[in-house]
Amino acid sequence: MKESLKVLQKAAEIQQQKSNDYQNPNSRIQQADYYPRGCSTILDTMYAKILRMQSVIEAMESDPNYTPNFESLEDSCIDIINYASFFVSYSNGQMEGQSPNRDFLNRIINVDKTV
């Protein structure tokens, strides 16, 4: 199997494990609850991950012995892969807990076009 496909497989496994923590059966929280502005919130989260990665890379460029204290660059990349899948899921109206009467930005859809 290609390495890139192994990465996608790992991302899927991590997504499932985190889902078991963040939307477990004993909680009323559903995945869509994390994204009050729909895809905009997901994009904000992805952008924050990219900024964090840029900061870590700049630290590594300045200090060859620098290592991140928490997430590795690989961990951040896998998170971005998963957030990208959440973006697609939400934009398709298929995310758990997403209201069918709201659009991809979680705005109420006006079904009465005469207004």
N, C-alpha and C. Protein backbone atom coordinates (compact mmCIF):
# COMPACT_ATOMS: atom_id res chain seq x y z
N MET A 1 0.85 -1.18 0.00
CA MET A 1 0.00 0.00 0.00
C MET A 1 0.90 1.24 0.00
N LYS A 2 0.50 2.24 -0.79
CA LYS A 2 1.22 3.49 -0.85
C LYS A 2 1.23 4.17 0.52
N GLU A 3 2.31 4.85 0.82
CA GLU A 3 2.44 5.54 2.11
C GLU A 3 1.31 6.55 2.31
N SER A 4 0.95 7.27 1.25
CA SER A 4 -0.11 8.27 1.38
C SER A 4 -1.45 7.63 1.76
N LEU A 5 -1.70 6.43 1.27
CA LEU A 5 -2.93 5.72 1.64
C LEU A 5 -2.87 5.23 3.08
N LYS A 6 -1.67 4.88 3.54
CA LYS A 6 -1.50 4.50 4.94
C LYS A 6 -1.80 5.69 5.84
N VAL A 7 -1.39 6.89 5.42
CA VAL A 7 -1.67 8.10 6.19
C VAL A 7 -3.18 8.33 6.27
N LEU A 8 -3.87 8.16 5.15
CA LEU A 8 -5.32 8.33 5.16
C LEU A 8 -6.00 7.30 6.06
N GLN A 9 -5.49 6.09 6.04
CA GLN A 9 -6.02 5.04 6.91
C GLN A 9 -5.81 5.40 8.38
N LYS A 10 -4.62 5.90 8.69
CA LYS A 10 -4.34 6.33 10.07
C LYS A 10 -5.25 7.48 10.47
N ALA A 11 -5.46 8.42 9.55
CA ALA A 11 -6.35 9.55 9.83
C ALA A 11 -7.76 9.06 10.14
N ALA A 12 -8.24 8.09 9.38
CA ALA A 12 -9.58 7.53 9.61
C ALA A 12 -9.66 6.84 10.97
N GLU A 13 -8.61 6.13 11.34
CA GLU A 13 -8.60 5.45 12.64
C GLU A 13 -8.61 6.47 13.78
N ILE A 14 -7.82 7.52 13.65
CA ILE A 14 -7.79 8.56 14.67
C ILE A 14 -9.13 9.28 14.75
N GLN A 15 -9.73 9.55 13.59
CA GLN A 15 -11.03 10.20 13.56
C GLN A 15 -12.06 9.36 14.33
N GLN A 16 -12.05 8.07 14.12
CA GLN A 16 -12.99 7.18 14.81
C GLN A 16 -12.73 7.18 16.31
N GLN A 17 -11.48 7.11 16.71
CA GLN A 17 -11.14 7.11 18.14
C GLN A 17 -11.56 8.41 18.81
N LYS A 18 -11.26 9.54 18.17
CA LYS A 18 -11.65 10.83 18.75
C LYS A 18 -13.16 10.98 18.79
N SER A 19 -13.83 10.45 17.77
CA SER A 19 -15.29 10.50 17.74
C SER A 19 -15.87 9.76 18.94
N ASN A 20 -15.25 8.66 19.31
CA ASN A 20 -15.71 7.91 20.48
C ASN A 20 -15.56 8.71 21.76
N ASP A 21 -14.58 9.63 21.80
CA ASP A 21 -14.40 10.49 22.97
C ASP A 21 -15.35 11.69 22.93
N TYR A 22 -15.42 12.36 21.77
CA TYR A 22 -16.10 13.64 21.68
C TYR A 22 -17.59 13.55 21.42
N GLN A 23 -18.06 12.46 20.85
CA GLN A 23 -19.50 12.26 20.63
C GLN A 23 -19.88 10.87 21.11
N ASN A 24 -19.54 10.57 22.34
CA ASN A 24 -19.81 9.23 22.84
C ASN A 24 -21.31 9.05 23.11
N PRO A 25 -21.77 7.82 23.17
CA PRO A 25 -23.21 7.54 23.32
C PRO A 25 -23.82 8.10 24.60
N ASN A 26 -23.00 8.41 25.60
CA ASN A 26 -23.51 8.93 26.86
C ASN A 26 -23.59 10.45 26.87
N SER A 27 -23.32 11.07 25.74
CA SER A 27 -23.32 12.53 25.65
C SER A 27 -24.39 12.99 24.67
N ARG A 28 -24.93 14.17 24.92
CA ARG A 28 -25.92 14.76 24.01
C ARG A 28 -25.24 15.53 22.88
N ILE A 29 -23.92 15.69 22.96
CA ILE A 29 -23.16 16.46 21.98
C ILE A 29 -23.02 15.67 20.68
N GLN A 30 -23.37 16.33 19.57
CA GLN A 30 -23.18 15.73 18.25
C GLN A 30 -22.09 16.50 17.52
N GLN A 31 -21.55 15.90 16.50
CA GLN A 31 -20.40 16.51 15.82
C GLN A 31 -20.69 17.92 15.31
N ALA A 32 -21.84 18.15 14.74
CA ALA A 32 -22.16 19.47 14.19
C ALA A 32 -22.18 20.56 15.26
N ASP A 33 -22.38 20.18 16.52
CA ASP A 33 -22.41 21.17 17.61
C ASP A 33 -21.08 21.91 17.75
N TYR A 34 -20.00 21.32 17.31
CA TYR A 34 -18.68 21.94 17.42
C TYR A 34 -18.48 23.07 16.40
N TYR A 35 -19.37 23.19 15.43
CA TYR A 35 -19.17 24.11 14.32
C TYR A 35 -20.35 25.08 14.21
N PRO A 36 -20.44 26.06 15.11
CA PRO A 36 -21.60 26.96 15.12
C PRO A 36 -21.76 27.79 13.84
N ARG A 37 -20.68 27.99 13.10
CA ARG A 37 -20.77 28.71 11.81
C ARG A 37 -20.51 27.77 10.65
N GLY A 38 -20.79 26.49 10.89
CA GLY A 38 -20.66 25.49 9.83
C GLY A 38 -19.25 25.40 9.28
N CYS A 39 -19.15 25.38 7.96
CA CYS A 39 -17.85 25.22 7.30
C CYS A 39 -16.89 26.35 7.64
N SER A 40 -17.39 27.52 7.98
CA SER A 40 -16.49 28.62 8.37
C SER A 40 -15.74 28.28 9.65
N THR A 41 -16.42 27.67 10.61
CA THR A 41 -15.75 27.26 11.84
C THR A 41 -14.71 26.18 11.57
N ILE A 42 -15.06 25.24 10.71
CA ILE A 42 -14.12 24.17 10.36
C ILE A 42 -12.88 24.77 9.69
N LEU A 43 -13.09 25.70 8.77
CA LEU A 43 -11.98 26.35 8.09
C LEU A 43 -11.12 27.14 9.08
N ASP A 44 -11.75 27.82 10.05
CA ASP A 44 -10.99 28.53 11.08
C ASP A 44 -10.09 27.57 11.85
N THR A 45 -10.62 26.40 12.17
CA THR A 45 -9.84 25.40 12.91
C THR A 45 -8.67 24.90 12.07
N MET A 46 -8.91 24.67 10.78
CA MET A 46 -7.83 24.23 9.89
C MET A 46 -6.75 25.31 9.78
N TYR A 47 -7.17 26.56 9.69
CA TYR A 47 -6.23 27.66 9.58
C TYR A 47 -5.39 27.77 10.86
N ALA A 48 -6.01 27.58 12.02
CA ALA A 48 -5.27 27.61 13.28
C ALA A 48 -4.22 26.50 13.32
N LYS A 49 -4.58 25.33 12.80
CA LYS A 49 -3.61 24.22 12.73
C LYS A 49 -2.43 24.59 11.83
N ILE A 50 -2.72 25.22 10.71
CA ILE A 50 -1.66 25.62 9.78
C ILE A 50 -0.75 26.67 10.42
N LEU A 51 -1.35 27.63 11.13
CA LEU A 51 -0.53 28.64 11.82
C LEU A 51 0.37 27.99 12.87
N ARG A 52 -0.18 27.03 13.60
CA ARG A 52 0.62 26.34 14.61
C ARG A 52 1.78 25.60 13.94
N MET A 53 1.50 24.95 12.83
CA MET A 53 2.56 24.24 12.10
C MET A 53 3.64 25.22 11.62
N GLN A 54 3.22 26.37 11.12
CA GLN A 54 4.18 27.37 10.66
C GLN A 54 5.04 27.85 11.81
N SER A 55 4.45 28.05 12.98
CA SER A 55 5.20 28.47 14.15
C SER A 55 6.23 27.42 14.56
N VAL A 56 5.82 26.15 14.56
CA VAL A 56 6.75 25.06 14.91
C VAL A 56 7.88 24.97 13.90
N ILE A 57 7.56 25.08 12.61
CA ILE A 57 8.60 25.02 11.58
C ILE A 57 9.59 26.17 11.74
N GLU A 58 9.09 27.37 12.03
CA GLU A 58 9.99 28.51 12.24
C GLU A 58 10.89 28.27 13.44
N ALA A 59 10.35 27.67 14.49
CA ALA A 59 11.17 27.34 15.67
C ALA A 59 12.23 26.31 15.30
N MET A 60 11.85 25.33 14.49
CA MET A 60 12.81 24.30 14.06
C MET A 60 13.90 24.88 13.16
N GLU A 61 13.51 25.86 12.33
CA GLU A 61 14.50 26.50 11.47
C GLU A 61 15.53 27.28 12.30
N SER A 62 15.08 27.88 13.38
CA SER A 62 15.96 28.68 14.24
C SER A 62 16.79 27.82 15.18
N ASP A 63 16.24 26.67 15.58
CA ASP A 63 16.91 25.80 16.55
C ASP A 63 16.79 24.36 16.11
N PRO A 64 17.85 23.79 15.55
CA PRO A 64 17.79 22.41 15.05
C PRO A 64 17.44 21.37 16.12
N ASN A 65 17.57 21.73 17.39
CA ASN A 65 17.25 20.80 18.48
C ASN A 65 15.83 20.96 19.01
N TYR A 66 15.09 21.89 18.44
CA TYR A 66 13.72 22.15 18.92
C TYR A 66 12.81 20.98 18.58
N THR A 67 12.01 20.59 19.55
CA THR A 67 10.96 19.59 19.30
C THR A 67 9.68 20.12 19.93
N PRO A 68 8.55 19.93 19.27
CA PRO A 68 7.28 20.41 19.82
C PRO A 68 6.97 19.72 21.15
N ASN A 69 6.31 20.43 22.03
CA ASN A 69 5.95 19.88 23.33
C ASN A 69 4.73 18.96 23.27
N PHE A 70 3.87 19.18 22.32
CA PHE A 70 2.63 18.41 22.26
C PHE A 70 2.50 17.71 20.91
N GLU A 71 1.72 18.28 20.00
CA GLU A 71 1.49 17.64 18.71
C GLU A 71 2.71 17.75 17.79
N SER A 72 3.01 16.66 17.13
CA SER A 72 4.05 16.71 16.10
C SER A 72 3.45 17.33 14.84
N LEU A 73 4.32 17.68 13.90
CA LEU A 73 3.83 18.18 12.61
C LEU A 73 2.97 17.13 11.93
N GLU A 74 3.36 15.86 12.05
CA GLU A 74 2.56 14.79 11.46
C GLU A 74 1.17 14.74 12.09
N ASP A 75 1.09 14.86 13.41
CA ASP A 75 -0.21 14.87 14.09
C ASP A 75 -1.09 16.01 13.57
N SER A 76 -0.49 17.18 13.41
CA SER A 76 -1.24 18.33 12.91
C SER A 76 -1.73 18.10 11.48
N CYS A 77 -0.90 17.48 10.65
CA CYS A 77 -1.31 17.18 9.28
C CYS A 77 -2.48 16.20 9.26
N ILE A 78 -2.43 15.21 10.10
CA ILE A 78 -3.53 14.24 10.16
C ILE A 78 -4.81 14.93 10.63
N ASP A 79 -4.69 15.84 11.59
CA ASP A 79 -5.86 16.61 12.02
C ASP A 79 -6.44 17.41 10.86
N ILE A 80 -5.58 18.02 10.05
CA ILE A 80 -6.05 18.81 8.91
C ILE A 80 -6.77 17.91 7.90
N ILE A 81 -6.24 16.72 7.67
CA ILE A 81 -6.92 15.76 6.79
C ILE A 81 -8.33 15.50 7.32
N ASN A 82 -8.44 15.26 8.62
CA ASN A 82 -9.75 14.96 9.18
C ASN A 82 -10.68 16.17 9.14
N TYR A 83 -10.14 17.36 9.43
CA TYR A 83 -10.99 18.55 9.33
C TYR A 83 -11.45 18.79 7.89
N ALA A 84 -10.60 18.47 6.92
CA ALA A 84 -11.01 18.60 5.52
C ALA A 84 -12.17 17.65 5.22
N SER A 85 -12.14 16.45 5.79
CA SER A 85 -13.26 15.53 5.59
C SER A 85 -14.51 16.03 6.29
N PHE A 86 -14.35 16.70 7.44
CA PHE A 86 -15.51 17.28 8.12
C PHE A 86 -16.11 18.40 7.26
N PHE A 87 -15.23 19.20 6.64
CA PHE A 87 -15.69 20.29 5.77
C PHE A 87 -16.57 19.73 4.65
N VAL A 88 -16.10 18.68 4.00
CA VAL A 88 -16.87 18.08 2.90
C VAL A 88 -18.17 17.50 3.43
N SER A 89 -18.11 16.80 4.55
CA SER A 89 -19.31 16.21 5.14
C SER A 89 -20.35 17.29 5.46
N TYR A 90 -19.89 18.38 6.11
CA TYR A 90 -20.82 19.46 6.46
C TYR A 90 -21.37 20.15 5.22
N SER A 91 -20.49 20.39 4.25
CA SER A 91 -20.95 21.09 3.03
C SER A 91 -21.96 20.26 2.25
N ASN A 92 -21.90 18.93 2.43
CA ASN A 92 -22.89 18.04 1.79
C ASN A 92 -24.12 17.80 2.65
N GLY A 93 -24.19 18.43 3.81
CA GLY A 93 -25.34 18.27 4.70
C GLY A 93 -25.41 16.91 5.35
N GLN A 94 -24.26 16.25 5.50
CA GLN A 94 -24.24 14.86 5.98
C GLN A 94 -23.57 14.68 7.34
N MET A 95 -23.31 15.75 8.07
CA MET A 95 -22.64 15.61 9.37
C MET A 95 -23.66 15.28 10.45
N GLU A 96 -23.26 14.39 11.36
CA GLU A 96 -24.12 14.00 12.46
C GLU A 96 -24.54 15.24 13.27
N GLY A 97 -25.84 15.41 13.43
CA GLY A 97 -26.37 16.52 14.20
C GLY A 97 -26.64 17.78 13.40
N GLN A 98 -26.33 17.75 12.12
CA GLN A 98 -26.54 18.92 11.28
C GLN A 98 -28.01 19.06 10.95
N SER A 99 -28.53 20.27 11.06
CA SER A 99 -29.93 20.52 10.78
C SER A 99 -30.17 20.60 9.27
N PRO A 100 -31.16 19.88 8.75
CA PRO A 100 -31.43 19.91 7.31
C PRO A 100 -31.99 21.25 6.82
N ASN A 101 -32.43 22.11 7.76
CA ASN A 101 -32.95 23.41 7.33
C ASN A 101 -31.91 24.52 7.48
N ARG A 102 -30.63 24.11 7.50
CA ARG A 102 -29.54 25.08 7.55
C ARG A 102 -28.53 24.77 6.44
N ASP A 103 -27.85 25.81 5.96
CA ASP A 103 -26.90 25.63 4.86
C ASP A 103 -25.50 25.29 5.37
N PHE A 104 -24.53 25.31 4.49
CA PHE A 104 -23.17 24.91 4.84
C PHE A 104 -22.48 25.88 5.80
N LEU A 105 -23.05 27.06 5.99
CA LEU A 105 -22.54 28.02 6.96
C LEU A 105 -23.42 28.07 8.21
N ASN A 106 -24.32 27.10 8.33
CA ASN A 106 -25.26 26.95 9.44
C ASN A 106 -26.27 28.10 9.51
N ARG A 107 -26.54 28.69 8.37
CA ARG A 107 -27.58 29.73 8.28
C ARG A 107 -28.90 29.06 7.96
N ILE A 108 -29.97 29.60 8.52
CA ILE A 108 -31.30 29.06 8.24
C ILE A 108 -31.61 29.24 6.76
N ILE A 109 -32.06 28.15 6.15
CA ILE A 109 -32.44 28.19 4.74
C ILE A 109 -33.85 28.73 4.64
N ASN A 110 -34.03 29.77 3.84
CA ASN A 110 -35.34 30.37 3.63
C ASN A 110 -36.08 29.55 2.58
N VAL A 111 -37.04 28.72 3.04
CA VAL A 111 -37.78 27.89 2.11
C VAL A 111 -38.86 28.68 1.36
N ASP A 112 -39.26 29.80 1.92
CA ASP A 112 -40.26 30.65 1.27
C ASP A 112 -39.54 31.66 0.40
N LYS A 113 -39.43 31.38 -0.89
CA LYS A 113 -38.69 32.24 -1.81
C LYS A 113 -39.45 33.52 -2.20
N THR A 114 -40.68 33.65 -1.73
CA THR A 114 -41.46 34.85 -2.07
C THR A 114 -41.13 36.03 -1.16
N VAL A 115 -40.41 35.78 -0.10
CA VAL A 115 -40.09 36.85 0.86
C VAL A 115 -38.93 37.67 0.37
